[in-house]
């Protein structure tokens, strides 16, 4: 991450939330597209060295994204995000959960409500993600799984993609 870009990761065990606020050096429509289009999500939505593989994507209210984070040594870690509300370029809400390859949610692992908002500030975009879990125990589970480091690495990949996408030749 560029040192001048803002990043906060806050855990609130009383409210059962994780709040991630991240600044990106890119215009809001492009940052929105990177969060909502499968061909762009597949280029950044996994911590290094994992990659992302979309099995199904239907970005609309009532639709879902079923994808895997793929380890270079072979294992695939499947998840499913069910979109609840969408306000184009401003934000969306969704239910996120770990799944299997068929998209069936794994009830043994925490599910979370995501509320993601996009705000333009000059040439930059701030993305605020509030992730709400059922309990503090669920937050502790995902934190022990490496949520903070994984989220940090994943968002750095978006920084790298935005550098590529904002080059003049990328827009031609």
Protein backbone atom coordinates (compact mmCIF):
# COMPACT_ATOMS: atom_id res chain seq x y z
CA UNK A 1 0.00 0.00 0.00
CA UNK A 2 1.19 3.48 -0.77
CA UNK A 3 2.00 5.18 2.55
CA UNK A 4 -0.19 8.19 1.74
CA UNK A 5 -3.37 6.07 1.36
CA UNK A 6 -5.54 5.79 4.46
CA UNK A 7 -6.34 2.38 5.94
CA UNK A 8 -8.08 1.47 9.17
CA UNK A 9 -9.11 -1.96 10.43
CA UNK A 10 -11.20 -1.77 13.60
CA UNK A 11 -12.59 -4.64 15.65
CA UNK A 12 -15.58 -3.93 17.91
CA UNK A 13 -16.40 -7.02 19.97
CA UNK A 14 -19.31 -5.21 21.67
CA UNK A 15 -21.05 -4.54 18.34
CA UNK A 16 -19.75 -7.75 16.69
CA UNK A 17 -18.29 -5.75 13.81
CA UNK A 18 -15.14 -5.31 11.80
CA UNK A 19 -14.90 -1.94 10.09
CA UNK A 20 -12.41 -1.52 7.28
CA UNK A 21 -11.92 1.88 5.72
CA UNK A 22 -9.56 2.04 2.77
CA UNK A 23 -8.54 4.80 0.39
CA UNK A 24 -7.77 3.93 -3.23
CA UNK A 25 -5.99 6.02 -5.86
CA UNK A 26 -8.70 5.70 -8.45
CA UNK A 27 -12.05 7.20 -9.43
CA UNK A 28 -15.19 5.90 -7.75
CA UNK A 29 -16.72 4.34 -10.91
CA UNK A 30 -13.56 2.30 -11.51
CA UNK A 31 -13.23 1.21 -7.86
CA UNK A 32 -16.93 0.24 -7.97
CA UNK A 33 -16.34 -1.83 -11.11
CA UNK A 34 -13.40 -3.58 -9.43
CA UNK A 35 -15.77 -4.66 -6.64
CA UNK A 36 -18.69 -5.67 -8.84
CA UNK A 37 -17.40 -7.20 -12.10
CA UNK A 38 -16.16 -10.77 -12.13
CA UNK A 39 -13.37 -10.17 -14.64
CA UNK A 40 -11.91 -7.51 -12.32
CA UNK A 41 -12.61 -9.33 -9.04
CA UNK A 42 -10.72 -12.34 -10.36
CA UNK A 43 -7.65 -10.12 -10.75
CA UNK A 44 -7.42 -8.98 -7.11
CA UNK A 45 -9.85 -10.52 -4.59
CA UNK A 46 -7.48 -12.85 -2.71
CA UNK A 47 -4.45 -12.34 -0.50
CA UNK A 48 -1.07 -13.16 -2.02
CA UNK A 49 -0.11 -15.77 -3.12
CA UNK A 50 -3.69 -16.99 -3.66
CA UNK A 51 -5.67 -16.22 -6.80
CA UNK A 52 -9.41 -15.86 -7.33
CA UNK A 53 -11.58 -18.08 -9.53
CA UNK A 54 -15.23 -17.19 -10.12
CA UNK A 55 -17.64 -20.05 -10.67
CA UNK A 56 -20.78 -17.87 -10.88
CA UNK A 57 -21.48 -14.14 -10.73
CA UNK A 58 -24.80 -12.33 -10.87
CA UNK A 59 -24.38 -8.85 -9.43
CA UNK A 60 -27.95 -7.78 -8.79
CA UNK A 61 -30.23 -7.67 -5.77
CA UNK A 62 -31.03 -11.31 -5.05
CA UNK A 63 -28.02 -12.48 -7.08
CA UNK A 64 -24.78 -13.95 -5.78
CA UNK A 65 -21.08 -14.43 -6.40
CA UNK A 66 -19.64 -17.92 -5.89
CA UNK A 67 -15.86 -18.01 -6.02
CA UNK A 68 -12.76 -19.73 -4.72
CA UNK A 69 -9.48 -18.41 -3.42
CA UNK A 70 -6.98 -20.81 -4.94
CA UNK A 71 -3.69 -21.70 -3.26
CA UNK A 72 -0.80 -22.21 -5.73
CA UNK A 73 -0.24 -25.66 -4.17
CA UNK A 74 -3.79 -26.71 -5.11
CA UNK A 75 -6.36 -26.23 -2.31
CA UNK A 76 -9.41 -24.10 -3.09
CA UNK A 77 -11.24 -22.10 -0.42
CA UNK A 78 -14.81 -21.50 -1.56
CA UNK A 79 -17.12 -18.65 -0.54
CA UNK A 80 -20.45 -17.22 -1.53
CA UNK A 81 -21.70 -13.65 -1.33
CA UNK A 82 -25.46 -13.10 -1.67
CA UNK A 83 -26.31 -9.54 -2.72
CA UNK A 84 -29.20 -7.98 -0.81
CA UNK A 85 -29.29 -4.30 -1.78
CA UNK A 86 -27.40 -2.41 -4.47
CA UNK A 87 -27.20 1.34 -5.00
CA UNK A 88 -24.94 1.70 -8.06
CA UNK A 89 -21.61 3.38 -7.38
CA UNK A 90 -22.69 4.24 -3.80
CA UNK A 91 -22.76 0.84 -2.12
CA UNK A 92 -24.23 -2.56 -1.55
CA UNK A 93 -25.13 -4.96 1.25
CA UNK A 94 -24.59 -8.68 1.16
CA UNK A 95 -24.47 -11.88 3.18
CA UNK A 96 -21.04 -13.52 3.05
CA UNK A 97 -20.21 -17.07 3.99
CA UNK A 98 -17.76 -19.89 3.47
CA UNK A 99 -19.13 -22.54 1.16
CA UNK A 100 -18.24 -25.67 -0.71
CA UNK A 101 -17.69 -25.99 -4.46
CA UNK A 102 -21.45 -26.32 -5.04
CA UNK A 103 -22.19 -23.05 -3.22
CA UNK A 104 -23.69 -24.68 -0.11
CA UNK A 105 -22.85 -22.55 2.93
CA UNK A 106 -20.68 -24.19 5.59
CA UNK A 107 -22.66 -23.77 8.84
CA UNK A 108 -19.58 -24.56 10.94
CA UNK A 109 -17.90 -21.29 9.89
CA UNK A 110 -19.12 -17.74 10.55
CA UNK A 111 -21.36 -15.88 8.14
CA UNK A 112 -21.42 -12.09 8.07
CA UNK A 113 -23.48 -9.17 6.80
CA UNK A 114 -21.43 -6.76 4.67
CA UNK A 115 -22.32 -3.10 4.20
CA UNK A 116 -19.95 -1.58 1.63
CA UNK A 117 -19.98 2.13 0.73
CA UNK A 118 -17.99 4.06 -1.87
CA UNK A 119 -17.21 7.77 -1.44
CA UNK A 120 -15.31 9.97 -3.88
CA UNK A 121 -12.75 12.40 -2.49
CA UNK A 122 -11.09 14.19 -5.35
CA UNK A 123 -9.39 11.64 -7.61
CA UNK A 124 -9.49 9.03 -4.83
CA UNK A 125 -12.18 6.72 -3.52
CA UNK A 126 -12.81 5.68 0.07
CA UNK A 127 -14.39 2.28 0.57
CA UNK A 128 -15.89 1.60 3.99
CA UNK A 129 -16.84 -1.98 4.75
CA UNK A 130 -18.72 -2.81 7.93
CA UNK A 131 -18.81 -6.56 8.50
CA UNK A 132 -21.29 -7.70 11.16
CA UNK A 133 -21.08 -11.14 12.73
CA UNK A 134 -23.52 -12.96 15.01
CA UNK A 135 -21.12 -12.91 17.97
CA UNK A 136 -17.74 -11.87 19.30
CA UNK A 137 -16.79 -15.55 19.07
CA UNK A 138 -17.42 -15.47 15.31
CA UNK A 139 -15.15 -12.42 14.99
CA UNK A 140 -12.46 -14.16 17.01
CA UNK A 141 -12.74 -17.17 14.67
CA UNK A 142 -12.17 -15.13 11.51
CA UNK A 143 -9.42 -13.10 13.15
CA UNK A 144 -7.65 -16.36 14.08
CA UNK A 145 -8.02 -17.42 10.44
CA UNK A 146 -6.00 -14.34 9.43
CA UNK A 147 -8.74 -11.89 8.44
CA UNK A 148 -6.72 -8.71 9.06
CA UNK A 149 -3.57 -9.83 7.22
CA UNK A 150 -5.67 -11.36 4.43
CA UNK A 151 -7.75 -8.23 3.99
CA UNK A 152 -4.64 -6.03 4.00
CA UNK A 153 -2.94 -8.14 1.32
CA UNK A 154 -6.10 -8.34 -0.77
CA UNK A 155 -6.62 -4.57 -0.75
CA UNK A 156 -2.98 -4.04 -1.71
CA UNK A 157 -3.69 -6.17 -4.78
CA UNK A 158 -6.50 -3.79 -5.67
CA UNK A 159 -3.99 -0.92 -5.41
CA UNK A 160 -1.77 -2.75 -7.91
CA UNK A 161 -4.67 -3.37 -10.29
CA UNK A 162 -5.79 0.27 -10.13
CA UNK A 163 -2.30 1.40 -11.15
CA UNK A 164 -2.61 -0.77 -14.26
CA UNK A 165 -6.20 0.24 -15.01
CA UNK A 166 -5.57 3.98 -14.66
CA UNK A 167 -2.70 4.03 -17.15
CA UNK A 168 -3.65 5.86 -20.36
CA UNK A 169 -3.08 2.74 -22.51
CA UNK A 170 -5.47 0.73 -20.28
CA UNK A 171 -8.29 3.17 -21.09
CA UNK A 172 -7.73 3.13 -24.84
